[in-house]
C-alpha atoms as a PDB file:
ATOM      1  CA  MET A   1      11.270   1.064  23.519  1.00  0.00           C
ATOM      2  CA  THR A   2      10.784   3.417  20.538  1.00  0.00           C
ATOM      3  CA  ALA A   3      12.646   3.914  17.279  1.00  0.00           C
ATOM      4  CA  VAL A   4      12.503   6.735  14.731  1.00  0.00           C
ATOM      5  CA  LEU A   5      11.288   6.094  11.181  1.00  0.00           C
ATOM      6  CA  GLN A   6      11.820   8.841   8.610  1.00  0.00           C
ATOM      7  CA  ALA A   7       8.889   9.253   6.203  1.00  0.00           C
ATOM      8  CA  GLN A   8       7.861  11.484   3.295  1.00  0.00           C
ATOM      9  CA  GLU A   9       4.355  12.570   2.356  1.00  0.00           C
ATOM     10  CA  ARG A  10       2.987  11.197  -0.916  1.00  0.00           C
ATOM     11  CA  LYS A  11       1.611  13.688  -3.426  1.00  0.00           C
ATOM     12  CA  GLU A  12       1.022  11.361  -6.390  1.00  0.00           C
ATOM     13  CA  PHE A  13      -1.662   8.672  -6.161  1.00  0.00           C
ATOM     14  CA  ARG A  14      -1.624   7.062  -9.598  1.00  0.00           C
ATOM     15  CA  GLY A  15      -0.705   3.391  -9.887  1.00  0.00           C
ATOM     16  CA  SER A  16       2.482   4.312 -11.734  1.00  0.00           C
ATOM     17  CA  ALA A  17       3.556   6.477  -8.762  1.00  0.00           C
ATOM     18  CA  LEU A  18       3.192   3.516  -6.398  1.00  0.00           C
ATOM     19  CA  THR A  19       5.204   1.341  -8.769  1.00  0.00           C
ATOM     20  CA  HIS A  20       7.932   3.981  -8.827  1.00  0.00           C
ATOM     21  CA  ILE A  21       7.956   4.211  -5.003  1.00  0.00           C
ATOM     22  CA  ARG A  22       8.345   0.431  -4.649  1.00  0.00           C
ATOM     23  CA  ARG A  23      10.961   0.256  -7.408  1.00  0.00           C
ATOM     24  CA  ASP A  24      13.086   2.727  -5.458  1.00  0.00           C
ATOM     25  CA  GLY A  25      13.047   0.467  -2.373  1.00  0.00           C
ATOM     26  CA  ASN A  26      10.300   2.300  -0.503  1.00  0.00           C
ATOM     27  CA  ILE A  27       6.976   1.225   0.995  1.00  0.00           C
ATOM     28  CA  PRO A  28       3.772   3.269   0.494  1.00  0.00           C
ATOM     29  CA  ALA A  29       1.706   3.705   3.651  1.00  0.00           C
ATOM     30  CA  VAL A  30      -1.051   5.642   5.344  1.00  0.00           C
ATOM     31  CA  VAL A  31      -1.049   7.141   8.849  1.00  0.00           C
ATOM     32  CA  TYR A  32      -4.169   8.200  10.754  1.00  0.00           C
ATOM     33  CA  GLY A  33      -5.445   8.475  14.307  1.00  0.00           C
ATOM     34  CA  ALA A  34      -4.994  10.681  17.367  1.00  0.00           C
ATOM     35  CA  LYS A  35      -4.759  14.405  16.521  1.00  0.00           C
ATOM     36  CA  LEU A  36      -3.670  13.625  12.966  1.00  0.00           C
ATOM     37  CA  GLU A  37      -5.534  13.941   9.691  1.00  0.00           C
ATOM     38  CA  SER A  38      -5.071  10.869   7.508  1.00  0.00           C
ATOM     39  CA  LYS A  39      -1.906  11.209   5.404  1.00  0.00           C
ATOM     40  CA  SER A  40      -0.440   9.113   2.587  1.00  0.00           C
ATOM     41  CA  ILE A  41       3.290   8.587   3.120  1.00  0.00           C
ATOM     42  CA  TYR A  42       6.226   6.401   2.113  1.00  0.00           C
ATOM     43  CA  PHE A  43       9.503   5.357   3.691  1.00  0.00           C
ATOM     44  CA  SER A  44      12.556   3.175   3.115  1.00  0.00           C
ATOM     45  CA  GLU A  45      11.870  -0.556   3.231  1.00  0.00           C
ATOM     46  CA  THR A  46      15.324  -1.097   4.779  1.00  0.00           C
ATOM     47  CA  ASP A  47      14.652   1.445   7.544  1.00  0.00           C
ATOM     48  CA  PHE A  48      11.212  -0.046   8.220  1.00  0.00           C
ATOM     49  CA  THR A  49      12.661  -3.549   8.570  1.00  0.00           C
ATOM     50  CA  LYS A  50      15.288  -2.307  11.049  1.00  0.00           C
ATOM     51  CA  VAL A  51      12.668  -0.465  13.123  1.00  0.00           C
ATOM     52  CA  ILE A  52      10.305  -3.465  13.316  1.00  0.00           C
ATOM     53  CA  ARG A  53      13.179  -5.709  14.354  1.00  0.00           C
ATOM     54  CA  LYS A  54      13.965  -3.266  17.146  1.00  0.00           C
ATOM     55  CA  VAL A  55      10.498  -2.524  18.541  1.00  0.00           C
ATOM     56  CA  GLY A  56       8.540  -5.608  17.413  1.00  0.00           C
ATOM     57  CA  ARG A  57       5.149  -6.024  15.755  1.00  0.00           C
ATOM     58  CA  ASN A  58       3.277  -4.115  18.502  1.00  0.00           C
ATOM     59  CA  GLY A  59       5.949  -1.595  19.489  1.00  0.00           C
ATOM     60  CA  VAL A  60       5.634   2.192  19.432  1.00  0.00           C
ATOM     61  CA  ILE A  61       7.418   3.910  16.516  1.00  0.00           C
ATOM     62  CA  SER A  62       8.332   7.593  16.385  1.00  0.00           C
ATOM     63  CA  LEU A  63       7.302   8.572  12.847  1.00  0.00           C
ATOM     64  CA  ASP A  64       9.257  11.629  11.623  1.00  0.00           C
ATOM     65  CA  LEU A  65       7.198  13.349   8.931  1.00  0.00           C
ATOM     66  CA  ALA A  66       8.664  16.622   7.675  1.00  0.00           C
ATOM     67  CA  GLY A  67      10.213  17.286  11.082  1.00  0.00           C
ATOM     68  CA  ASN A  68       7.018  16.530  12.999  1.00  0.00           C
ATOM     69  CA  LYS A  69       7.113  13.382  15.097  1.00  0.00           C
ATOM     70  CA  TYR A  70       4.114  11.173  15.805  1.00  0.00           C
ATOM     71  CA  ASN A  71       3.877   8.114  18.037  1.00  0.00           C
ATOM     72  CA  VAL A  72       2.443   5.348  15.880  1.00  0.00           C
ATOM     73  CA  VAL A  73       1.861   1.598  15.996  1.00  0.00           C
ATOM     74  CA  LEU A  74       1.587  -0.829  13.107  1.00  0.00           C
ATOM     75  CA  SER A  75      -2.134  -1.275  12.548  1.00  0.00           C
ATOM     76  CA  ASP A  76      -2.109  -3.441   9.418  1.00  0.00           C
ATOM     77  CA  TYR A  77       0.038  -4.338   6.442  1.00  0.00           C
ATOM     78  CA  GLN A  78      -0.165  -6.064   3.067  1.00  0.00           C
ATOM     79  CA  ALA A  79       2.519  -8.432   1.825  1.00  0.00           C
ATOM     80  CA  ASP A  80       3.353 -10.015  -1.507  1.00  0.00           C
ATOM     81  CA  PRO A  81       3.205 -13.773  -0.735  1.00  0.00           C
ATOM     82  CA  ILE A  82       5.421 -14.654  -3.694  1.00  0.00           C
ATOM     83  CA  LYS A  83       8.219 -12.132  -3.082  1.00  0.00           C
ATOM     84  CA  ASN A  84       7.685 -12.164   0.699  1.00  0.00           C
ATOM     85  CA  GLU A  85       7.807  -8.360   0.746  1.00  0.00           C
ATOM     86  CA  VAL A  86       5.665  -5.771   2.552  1.00  0.00           C
ATOM     87  CA  ILE A  87       3.888  -3.702  -0.101  1.00  0.00           C
ATOM     88  CA  HIS A  88       1.690  -1.406   2.017  1.00  0.00           C
ATOM     89  CA  VAL A  89       1.455  -0.372   5.683  1.00  0.00           C
ATOM     90  CA  ASP A  90      -1.226   1.220   7.869  1.00  0.00           C
ATOM     91  CA  PHE A  91      -0.002   3.175  10.901  1.00  0.00           C
ATOM     92  CA  LEU A  92      -2.236   4.259  13.776  1.00  0.00           C
ATOM     93  CA  ALA A  93      -1.151   7.471  15.531  1.00  0.00           C
ATOM     94  CA  VAL A  94      -1.631   7.015  19.276  1.00  0.00           C
ATOM     95  CA  ASP A  95      -1.720   8.997  22.496  1.00  0.00           C
ATOM     96  CA  LEU A  96       0.656   7.234  24.904  1.00  0.00           C
ATOM     97  CA  SER A  97      -1.646   8.016  27.824  1.00  0.00           C
ATOM     98  CA  GLN A  98      -4.714   6.435  26.204  1.00  0.00           C
ATOM     99  CA  ASP A  99      -5.498   2.701  26.050  1.00  0.00           C
ATOM    100  CA  ILE A 100      -5.606   0.870  22.730  1.00  0.00           C
ATOM    101  CA  THR A 101      -6.635  -2.695  21.868  1.00  0.00           C
ATOM    102  CA  ALA A 102      -4.502  -5.106  19.848  1.00  0.00           C
ATOM    103  CA  ASN A 103      -4.329  -8.795  18.974  1.00  0.00           C
ATOM    104  CA  VAL A 104      -1.225 -10.397  20.457  1.00  0.00           C
ATOM    105  CA  ARG A 105       0.381 -13.767  19.730  1.00  0.00           C
ATOM    106  CA  VAL A 106       0.199 -16.483  22.411  1.00  0.00           C
ATOM    107  CA  ASN A 107       3.552 -18.165  23.113  1.00  0.00           C
ATOM    108  CA  LEU A 108       3.662 -21.421  25.102  1.00  0.00           C
ATOM    109  CA  VAL A 109       6.902 -21.600  27.097  1.00  0.00           C
ATOM    110  CA  GLY A 110       8.588 -24.711  28.473  1.00  0.00           C
ATOM    111  CA  ASP A 111       8.241 -28.484  28.148  1.00  0.00           C
ATOM    112  CA  ALA A 112       4.957 -29.622  29.646  1.00  0.00           C
ATOM    113  CA  ALA A 113       5.064 -32.505  32.121  1.00  0.00           C
ATOM    114  CA  GLY A 114       2.083 -34.106  30.374  1.00  0.00           C
ATOM    115  CA  VAL A 115       3.857 -34.098  27.027  1.00  0.00           C
ATOM    116  CA  LYS A 116       6.873 -35.790  28.610  1.00  0.00           C
ATOM    117  CA  ASP A 117       4.454 -38.483  29.799  1.00  0.00           C
ATOM    118  CA  GLY A 118       3.267 -39.065  26.223  1.00  0.00           C
ATOM    119  CA  GLY A 119       0.395 -36.583  26.018  1.00  0.00           C
ATOM    120  CA  VAL A 120      -0.243 -34.297  23.057  1.00  0.00           C
ATOM    121  CA  MET A 121      -0.261 -30.499  23.470  1.00  0.00           C
ATOM    122  CA  GLN A 122      -3.195 -28.865  21.706  1.00  0.00           C
ATOM    123  CA  GLN A 123      -3.103 -25.062  21.408  1.00  0.00           C
ATOM    124  CA  SER A 124      -6.631 -23.774  20.827  1.00  0.00           C
ATOM    125  CA  MET A 125      -5.850 -20.028  20.818  1.00  0.00           C
ATOM    126  CA  HIS A 126      -2.904 -18.520  18.967  1.00  0.00           C
ATOM    127  CA  GLU A 127      -3.877 -14.875  19.594  1.00  0.00           C
ATOM    128  CA  VAL A 128      -5.617 -12.966  22.364  1.00  0.00           C
ATOM    129  CA  SER A 129      -7.080  -9.475  22.462  1.00  0.00           C
ATOM    130  CA  VAL A 130      -5.382  -7.145  24.956  1.00  0.00           C
ATOM    131  CA  THR A 131      -5.981  -3.549  26.058  1.00  0.00           C
ATOM    132  CA  ALA A 132      -3.305  -1.250  27.520  1.00  0.00           C
ATOM    133  CA  THR A 133      -1.483   1.989  26.883  1.00  0.00           C
ATOM    134  CA  PRO A 134       0.552   1.646  23.651  1.00  0.00           C
ATOM    135  CA  ASP A 135       3.884   1.170  25.432  1.00  0.00           C
ATOM    136  CA  ASN A 136       2.420  -1.674  27.539  1.00  0.00           C
ATOM    137  CA  ILE A 137       1.084  -3.757  24.634  1.00  0.00           C
ATOM    138  CA  PRO A 138       3.290  -6.891  24.704  1.00  0.00           C
ATOM    139  CA  GLN A 139       4.923  -8.545  21.704  1.00  0.00           C
ATOM    140  CA  SER A 140       3.517 -11.865  22.886  1.00  0.00           C
ATOM    141  CA  VAL A 141       1.589 -13.318  25.807  1.00  0.00           C
ATOM    142  CA  ASP A 142       3.986 -15.900  27.235  1.00  0.00           C
ATOM    143  CA  ILE A 143       2.468 -18.803  29.169  1.00  0.00           C
ATOM    144  CA  ASP A 144       4.554 -21.235  31.248  1.00  0.00           C
ATOM    145  CA  VAL A 145       3.232 -24.754  30.568  1.00  0.00           C
ATOM    146  CA  THR A 146       5.916 -26.818  32.349  1.00  0.00           C
ATOM    147  CA  SER A 147       3.606 -28.006  35.156  1.00  0.00           C
ATOM    148  CA  ILE A 148       0.607 -28.895  32.959  1.00  0.00           C
ATOM    149  CA  GLN A 149      -0.373 -32.579  33.135  1.00  0.00           C
ATOM    150  CA  VAL A 150      -2.336 -34.879  30.819  1.00  0.00           C
ATOM    151  CA  ASN A 151      -6.060 -33.960  30.719  1.00  0.00           C
ATOM    152  CA  GLU A 152      -5.374 -30.509  32.171  1.00  0.00           C
ATOM    153  CA  THR A 153      -6.245 -27.242  30.400  1.00  0.00           C
ATOM    154  CA  ILE A 154      -5.164 -23.606  30.545  1.00  0.00           C
ATOM    155  CA  THR A 155      -7.954 -21.052  30.250  1.00  0.00           C
ATOM    156  CA  ILE A 156      -7.952 -17.272  29.936  1.00  0.00           C
ATOM    157  CA  ALA A 157      -8.849 -17.087  33.641  1.00  0.00           C
ATOM    158  CA  ASP A 158      -5.591 -18.908  34.472  1.00  0.00           C
ATOM    159  CA  ILE A 159      -3.384 -16.305  32.754  1.00  0.00           C
ATOM    160  CA  LYS A 160      -5.027 -12.977  33.608  1.00  0.00           C
ATOM    161  CA  ALA A 161      -3.224 -12.277  36.889  1.00  0.00           C
ATOM    162  CA  ASN A 162      -0.158 -10.048  37.323  1.00  0.00           C
ATOM    163  CA  ARG A 163      -0.079  -8.509  33.867  1.00  0.00           C
ATOM    164  CA  ALA A 164       0.364  -4.867  32.825  1.00  0.00           C
ATOM    165  CA  TYR A 165      -2.462  -5.193  30.317  1.00  0.00           C
ATOM    166  CA  LYS A 166      -6.062  -6.412  30.243  1.00  0.00           C
ATOM    167  CA  ILE A 167      -6.927  -9.606  28.365  1.00  0.00           C
ATOM    168  CA  ASN A 168     -10.348  -9.134  26.777  1.00  0.00           C
ATOM    169  CA  ASP A 169     -11.232 -12.733  25.895  1.00  0.00           C
ATOM    170  CA  SER A 170     -13.720 -14.509  28.178  1.00  0.00           C
ATOM    171  CA  ASP A 171     -12.406 -16.396  31.212  1.00  0.00           C
ATOM    172  CA  GLU A 172     -13.672 -19.804  30.103  1.00  0.00           C
ATOM    173  CA  GLU A 173     -11.899 -19.755  26.715  1.00  0.00           C
ATOM    174  CA  VAL A 174      -9.409 -22.639  26.520  1.00  0.00           C
ATOM    175  CA  VAL A 175      -5.927 -21.546  25.453  1.00  0.00           C
ATOM    176  CA  ALA A 176      -4.231 -24.943  25.495  1.00  0.00           C
ATOM    177  CA  SER A 177      -4.768 -28.475  26.767  1.00  0.00           C
ATOM    178  CA  ILE A 178      -2.898 -31.766  26.924  1.00  0.00           C
ATOM    179  CA  LEU A 179      -4.676 -34.723  25.369  1.00  0.00           C
ATOM    180  CA  PRO A 180      -4.028 -38.299  26.504  1.00  0.00           C
ATOM    181  CA  PRO A 181      -1.643 -40.450  24.444  1.00  0.00           C
ATOM    182  CA  ARG A 182      -3.350 -41.575  21.222  1.00  0.00           C
ATOM    183  CA  GLN A 183      -2.926 -45.287  21.948  1.00  0.00           C
ATOM    184  CA  GLU A 184      -4.859 -44.928  25.164  1.00  0.00           C
ATOM    185  CA  GLU A 185      -7.556 -42.913  23.413  1.00  0.00           C
ATOM    186  CA  GLU A 186      -8.125 -45.646  20.829  1.00  0.00           C
ATOM    187  CA  ILE A 187      -8.281 -48.387  23.453  1.00  0.00           C
ATOM    188  CA  ASN A 188     -10.663 -46.433  25.675  1.00  0.00           C
ATOM    189  CA  SER A 189     -12.911 -45.286  22.838  1.00  0.00           C
ATOM    190  CA  GLY A 190     -14.314 -48.794  22.317  1.00  0.00           C
ATOM    191  CA  GLU A 191     -14.207 -48.306  18.561  1.00  0.00           C
ATOM    192  CA  LYS A 192     -12.227 -51.488  17.919  1.00  0.00           C
ATOM    193  CA  GLN A 193     -14.445 -53.982  16.072  1.00  0.00           C
ATOM    194  CA  GLU A 194     -15.172 -57.316  17.690  1.00  0.00           C
ATOM    195  CA  ALA A 195     -14.060 -60.458  15.882  1.00  0.00           C
ATOM    196  CA  GLY A 196     -16.781 -62.442  14.131  1.00  0.00           C
ATOM    197  CA  THR A 197     -18.825 -62.617  10.988  1.00  0.00           C
ATOM    198  CA  PRO A 198     -20.328 -59.311   9.836  1.00  0.00           C
ATOM    199  CA  GLU A 199     -24.095 -59.129   9.862  1.00  0.00           C
ATOM    200  CA  ASN A 200     -26.227 -58.886   6.720  1.00  0.00           C
ATOM    201  CA  GLU A 201     -23.648 -60.262   4.344  1.00  0.00           C
ATOM    202  CA  GLU A 202     -25.575 -60.610   1.113  1.00  0.00           C
ATOM    203  CA  GLY A 203     -24.977 -63.598  -1.174  1.00  0.00           C
ATOM    204  CA  ARG A 204     -23.166 -65.725   1.418  1.00  0.00           C
ATOM    205  CA  GLU A 205     -24.408 -68.933   3.032  1.00  0.00           C
ATOM    206  CA  THR A 206     -23.672 -68.814   6.735  1.00  0.00           C
ATOM    207  CA  LYS A 207     -24.999 -72.283   7.638  1.00  0.00           C
ATOM    208  CA  SER A 208     -22.794 -75.377   7.514  1.00  0.00           C
ATOM    209  CA  SER A 209     -23.268 -77.411   4.340  1.00  0.00           C
ATOM    210  CA  GLU A 210     -24.765 -80.861   4.737  1.00  0.00           C
ATOM    211  CA  VAL A 211     -22.613 -83.729   3.455  1.00  0.00           C
END
């Protein structure tokens, strides 16, 4: 799925020019990559938001720059944490026939059997590195956890099969696991103190007083 984003080339690079661009509801950006010299551009924040909602964080965007169209993906962005606004974007121009590598979110799907039995789901990896042609980079790596029991784990090796992309992380990396219920952990850990008088209590007489 692709969407077209109209962009204009930036000619002014002073700080005041960037302020003016943002004040007008636009986002400054840079595009670089396959068969394209690095260019400073800007585009409508509203249009950008619509495009990202359509294609997703890792989707291919058709960038229209002065009538020339380039296939690009979102490489990086900067956001204002206070205003929750994107203030700068990096686009990577790509060749749709050539593989690229991207970090993709891991999404655990379903209610695990072990959690229903009182276990605690622990997700160790929230992103994985994948390699594929740009149009085969997924928005997320979805993992069905419904059959996972207490004390079982999911590793990278368990999720590599039947996918249109290569997962680059090592096979033994643990993605998620289900820990035993906490009550059982505390009982089995043997950390509960035994009843009795603590040793080496200074200043206390431990013998019975003679009458």
